[in-house]
Amino acid sequence: MVSFIGAGPGDPELLTIKGKKIIDSADVIIYAGSLVNPQVLDGAKDGAVIYNSATMNLDEVIGVMKDAEAKGLKVARVHTGDPAIYGAHREQMDRLDELGIDYEVIPGVSSFLATAAALKKEYTLPGVSQTVILTRMEGRTPMPPKEKLLDLAQHNATMIIFLSVGMLEEMSEILRQAYRPGTPVAVVYKASWEDQKIVYGDLSNIAQRVKEAGIRKTALTVVGDFLGDEYELSKLYDKTFTTEFRKGVTE
């Protein structure tokens, strides 16, 4: 059995209980060493064989899994955050399907959620934004038709941009074509890690501020008025609003 595990955003205590149990009992661990906090593996049992997939290609990763399966060994495939977001684990699962190897997926805490926690903000505010767009800048991996950054920005929704902080100047220029220049922006470097860093600004100055902070990778960029202080109160806790569980009062 192969277990794909979302290892959380960095803080080892944000690893799920289920994920930790599997890592701690695995015979073979393959982890994304370029991004996963090594402390996540601290509970690995004596004798566990650990591979860093940062130095491996897809065939090599699948080869380790295939060999372990033939020996009846338990494999933990440890991805960052949640593997469903830019985790490149679909291609691994498809190969395992072809080989007839059983696997499971254990969800994790994504870095975009750890970023909101670090900022102490809520992405969806009544009257401000009820839509969250997760995307990235186009680089060596092209974007599908209609998913260019400018196309998505037309909605003026809360936008969370992965894997793109190194192109922040170009990103800001594109976003200013759809958002107002003063739209607030935050860049969170290594959310939940001990060396976490937050830079605030707006679309007119965030690129320069991030450059001055020395941040070049391993950071999320979040854009939108959810970072501001103006919003409507929700109906959920409005004392005059009737819900399935509570009758509203008349003022």
Protein backbone atom coordinates (compact mmCIF):
# COMPACT_ATOMS: atom_id res chain seq x y z
CA MET A 1 0.00 0.00 0.00
CA VAL A 2 1.16 3.49 -0.89
CA SER A 3 -0.16 6.40 1.17
CA PHE A 4 0.00 9.87 -0.36
CA ILE A 5 0.14 12.31 2.53
CA GLY A 6 -0.39 16.05 2.67
CA ALA A 7 2.32 16.99 5.15
CA GLY A 8 0.93 20.43 5.94
CA PRO A 9 2.43 23.84 5.23
CA GLY A 10 5.58 23.47 7.33
CA ASP A 11 4.86 23.41 11.06
CA PRO A 12 5.16 19.69 11.95
CA GLU A 13 2.25 20.07 14.36
CA LEU A 14 0.01 20.88 11.40
CA LEU A 15 0.50 17.37 10.07
CA THR A 16 -2.76 15.45 10.53
CA ILE A 17 -2.90 12.70 13.16
CA LYS A 18 -3.64 10.15 10.44
CA GLY A 19 -0.73 11.34 8.32
CA LYS A 20 1.68 11.18 11.25
CA LYS A 21 0.63 7.64 12.15
CA ILE A 22 1.33 6.49 8.61
CA ILE A 23 4.71 8.25 8.40
CA ASP A 24 5.78 6.88 11.77
CA SER A 25 4.91 3.31 10.78
CA ALA A 26 6.10 3.36 7.15
CA ASP A 27 8.88 1.10 5.92
CA VAL A 28 9.69 3.39 3.00
CA ILE A 29 9.26 7.18 2.94
CA ILE A 30 9.51 9.28 -0.21
CA TYR A 31 9.26 12.97 0.64
CA ALA A 32 9.37 16.18 -1.40
CA GLY A 33 12.59 17.43 0.13
CA SER A 34 12.64 20.77 -1.63
CA LEU A 35 9.59 21.95 0.32
CA VAL A 36 8.62 19.51 3.09
CA ASN A 37 9.91 20.39 6.55
CA PRO A 38 12.27 17.52 7.52
CA GLN A 39 10.88 17.69 11.06
CA VAL A 40 7.73 16.05 9.70
CA LEU A 41 9.76 12.85 9.45
CA ASP A 42 11.16 12.98 12.98
CA GLY A 43 8.94 10.11 14.14
CA ALA A 44 10.03 7.71 11.41
CA LYS A 45 10.79 4.27 12.81
CA ASP A 46 14.29 2.85 12.99
CA GLY A 47 15.14 1.12 9.75
CA ALA A 48 12.78 3.14 7.58
CA VAL A 49 14.35 3.87 4.19
CA ILE A 50 13.94 7.54 3.27
CA TYR A 51 14.17 8.99 -0.24
CA ASN A 52 14.20 12.66 -1.22
CA SER A 53 12.13 13.00 -4.39
CA ALA A 54 13.71 16.39 -5.17
CA THR A 55 16.56 14.43 -6.74
CA MET A 56 14.36 11.81 -8.43
CA ASN A 57 12.31 11.65 -11.62
CA LEU A 58 8.88 10.06 -11.98
CA ASP A 59 10.22 6.69 -13.14
CA GLU A 60 12.55 6.53 -10.14
CA VAL A 61 9.76 7.38 -7.69
CA ILE A 62 7.47 4.74 -9.16
CA GLY A 63 10.34 2.25 -9.19
CA VAL A 64 10.81 2.63 -5.43
CA MET A 65 7.08 2.16 -4.88
CA LYS A 66 6.95 -0.89 -7.13
CA ASP A 67 9.92 -2.49 -5.40
CA ALA A 68 8.45 -1.82 -1.95
CA GLU A 69 5.08 -3.26 -2.98
CA ALA A 70 6.77 -6.44 -4.22
CA LYS A 71 8.37 -6.82 -0.80
CA GLY A 72 5.14 -6.16 1.08
CA LEU A 73 6.43 -2.89 2.53
CA LYS A 74 4.36 0.13 3.55
CA VAL A 75 5.15 3.33 1.62
CA ALA A 76 4.49 6.90 2.73
CA ARG A 77 4.66 9.37 -0.16
CA VAL A 78 4.93 12.70 1.62
CA HIS A 79 3.88 15.82 -0.26
CA THR A 80 3.71 19.43 0.89
CA GLY A 81 0.53 21.11 2.09
CA ASP A 82 -2.27 19.20 0.47
CA PRO A 83 -1.20 17.09 -2.52
CA ALA A 84 -4.33 18.06 -4.48
CA ILE A 85 -2.94 21.58 -5.04
CA TYR A 86 0.12 21.71 -7.32
CA GLY A 87 1.17 18.36 -5.88
CA ALA A 88 1.79 16.50 -9.17
CA HIS A 89 0.49 13.33 -7.56
CA ARG A 90 -2.16 12.48 -10.17
CA GLU A 91 0.52 11.21 -12.54
CA GLN A 92 1.89 8.98 -9.78
CA MET A 93 -1.55 7.58 -8.99
CA ASP A 94 -2.21 6.85 -12.65
CA ARG A 95 1.03 4.88 -12.86
CA LEU A 96 0.10 2.92 -9.74
CA ASP A 97 -3.29 2.15 -11.30
CA GLU A 98 -1.50 0.73 -14.33
CA LEU A 99 0.64 -1.42 -12.05
CA GLY A 100 -2.30 -2.60 -9.95
CA ILE A 101 -0.81 -1.13 -6.76
CA ASP A 102 -3.27 0.01 -4.09
CA TYR A 103 -2.96 3.51 -2.69
CA GLU A 104 -4.78 6.05 -0.59
CA VAL A 105 -4.67 9.83 -0.24
CA ILE A 106 -4.54 11.55 3.16
CA PRO A 107 -5.49 15.23 2.85
CA GLY A 108 -3.41 17.90 4.52
CA VAL A 109 -3.44 21.58 5.46
CA SER A 110 -2.55 23.65 2.40
CA SER A 111 -0.17 26.56 2.56
CA PHE A 112 -2.97 28.88 1.40
CA LEU A 113 -4.85 28.07 4.59
CA ALA A 114 -1.74 28.54 6.72
CA THR A 115 -1.27 31.88 4.97
CA ALA A 116 -4.74 33.05 6.02
CA ALA A 117 -3.96 31.97 9.58
CA ALA A 118 -0.65 33.85 9.54
CA LEU A 119 -2.40 36.97 8.29
CA LYS A 120 -5.29 36.49 10.73
CA LYS A 121 -7.68 37.14 7.85
CA GLU A 122 -10.70 35.49 6.24
CA TYR A 123 -10.67 35.10 2.47
CA THR A 124 -14.47 35.30 2.13
CA LEU A 125 -16.05 38.41 3.62
CA PRO A 126 -19.71 39.36 3.04
CA GLY A 127 -19.97 42.30 0.69
CA VAL A 128 -16.29 42.01 -0.27
CA SER A 129 -15.58 38.61 -1.79
CA GLN A 130 -17.29 35.24 -1.75
CA THR A 131 -14.97 33.66 -4.29
CA VAL A 132 -11.40 32.46 -3.88
CA ILE A 133 -9.24 31.83 -6.93
CA LEU A 134 -6.15 29.63 -6.55
CA THR A 135 -3.80 30.04 -9.48
CA ARG A 136 -0.23 30.68 -10.59
CA MET A 137 1.70 32.75 -13.09
CA GLU A 138 2.50 31.16 -16.39
CA GLY A 139 6.09 29.97 -16.48
CA ARG A 140 7.61 26.83 -17.91
CA THR A 141 4.24 25.21 -17.25
CA PRO A 142 1.78 26.98 -19.59
CA MET A 143 -1.71 27.98 -18.48
CA PRO A 144 -4.75 26.45 -20.21
CA PRO A 145 -6.91 28.66 -22.45
CA LYS A 146 -9.01 31.19 -20.48
CA GLU A 147 -6.86 30.76 -17.35
CA LYS A 148 -4.38 33.54 -17.98
CA LEU A 149 -3.88 35.67 -14.88
CA LEU A 150 -5.56 38.69 -16.46
CA ASP A 151 -8.63 36.62 -17.38
CA LEU A 152 -9.05 35.46 -13.79
CA ALA A 153 -8.34 38.89 -12.35
CA GLN A 154 -11.38 40.36 -14.13
CA HIS A 155 -13.56 38.91 -11.36
CA ASN A 156 -11.81 41.03 -8.69
CA ALA A 157 -12.21 38.04 -6.35
CA THR A 158 -9.81 37.05 -3.60
CA MET A 159 -6.80 35.71 -5.47
CA ILE A 160 -4.14 33.38 -4.10
CA ILE A 161 -1.14 32.98 -6.36
CA PHE A 162 1.23 30.06 -5.93
CA LEU A 163 4.71 29.48 -7.31
CA SER A 164 5.09 32.99 -8.68
CA VAL A 165 6.71 35.32 -6.17
CA GLY A 166 9.83 35.46 -8.34
CA MET A 167 7.72 37.16 -11.03
CA LEU A 168 6.01 39.63 -8.72
CA GLU A 169 6.77 42.73 -10.75
CA GLU A 170 5.20 41.27 -13.89
CA MET A 171 2.34 39.84 -11.80
CA SER A 172 1.54 43.24 -10.27
CA GLU A 173 1.56 44.89 -13.68
CA ILE A 174 -0.94 42.35 -15.00
CA LEU A 175 -3.20 42.59 -11.96
CA ARG A 176 -3.29 46.39 -12.10
CA GLN A 177 -5.12 46.04 -15.41
CA ALA A 178 -8.08 44.54 -13.55
CA TYR A 179 -7.77 45.56 -9.89
CA ARG A 180 -7.28 49.16 -8.76
CA PRO A 181 -3.59 49.96 -8.05
CA GLY A 182 -4.30 50.42 -4.34
CA THR A 183 -5.70 46.91 -3.92
CA PRO A 184 -4.02 45.40 -0.85
CA VAL A 185 -1.55 42.56 -1.27
CA ALA A 186 0.34 40.36 1.17
CA VAL A 187 3.22 37.99 0.51
CA VAL A 188 3.76 35.27 3.09
CA TYR A 189 7.08 33.46 3.02
CA LYS A 190 7.06 29.91 4.45
CA ALA A 191 3.74 30.18 6.26
CA SER A 192 3.81 28.39 9.65
CA TRP A 193 7.59 27.74 9.55
CA GLU A 194 9.81 29.16 12.29
CA ASP A 195 11.28 31.65 9.81
CA GLN A 196 7.92 32.78 8.45
CA LYS A 197 7.93 36.30 7.05
CA ILE A 198 5.06 38.57 5.98
CA VAL A 199 5.27 41.57 3.66
CA TYR A 200 2.29 43.89 3.17
CA GLY A 201 1.69 46.39 0.41
CA ASP A 202 -0.54 47.03 -2.57
CA LEU A 203 -0.32 46.41 -6.29
CA SER A 204 1.74 49.56 -6.77
CA ASN A 205 4.53 48.74 -4.31
CA ILE A 206 4.49 45.08 -3.24
CA ALA A 207 7.14 43.98 -5.78
CA GLN A 208 9.69 46.46 -4.44
CA ARG A 209 8.90 45.64 -0.80
CA VAL A 210 9.29 41.91 -1.39
CA LYS A 211 12.55 42.48 -3.22
CA GLU A 212 13.84 44.53 -0.29
CA ALA A 213 12.81 41.70 2.06
CA GLY A 214 14.92 39.26 0.05
CA ILE A 215 12.05 36.88 -0.71
CA ARG A 216 12.53 35.01 -3.98
CA LYS A 217 10.66 31.71 -3.56
CA THR A 218 8.60 29.56 -1.17
CA ALA A 219 5.96 32.25 -0.71
CA LEU A 220 2.32 32.84 -1.53
CA THR A 221 0.92 36.10 -2.85
CA VAL A 222 -2.63 36.97 -1.80
CA VAL A 223 -4.57 39.80 -3.38
CA GLY A 224 -7.88 41.41 -2.54
CA ASP A 225 -9.93 43.68 -0.35
CA PHE A 226 -10.36 40.90 2.22
CA LEU A 227 -7.10 42.33 3.57
CA GLY A 228 -8.91 45.56 4.37
CA ASP A 229 -11.18 46.39 7.30
CA GLU A 230 -14.49 47.14 5.60
CA TYR A 231 -17.05 44.35 5.21
CA GLU A 232 -20.64 43.44 6.05
CA LEU A 233 -21.47 41.30 9.08
CA SER A 234 -22.55 37.77 8.21
CA LYS A 235 -26.13 36.55 8.51
CA LEU A 236 -24.90 33.46 10.33
CA TYR A 237 -24.72 35.19 13.70
CA ASP A 238 -27.16 38.05 13.04
CA LYS A 239 -29.64 37.97 15.95
CA THR A 240 -32.46 39.14 13.65
CA PHE A 241 -31.84 36.36 11.10
CA THR A 242 -33.72 33.07 11.43
CA THR A 243 -31.82 29.84 10.74
CA GLU A 244 -32.64 26.15 10.98
CA PHE A 245 -31.29 26.18 14.54
CA ARG A 246 -32.22 29.62 15.86
CA LYS A 247 -35.22 31.93 15.56
CA GLY A 248 -34.35 35.56 14.87
CA VAL A 249 -35.53 38.25 17.23
CA THR A 250 -37.46 41.32 16.11
CA GLU A 251 -35.93 44.63 17.11
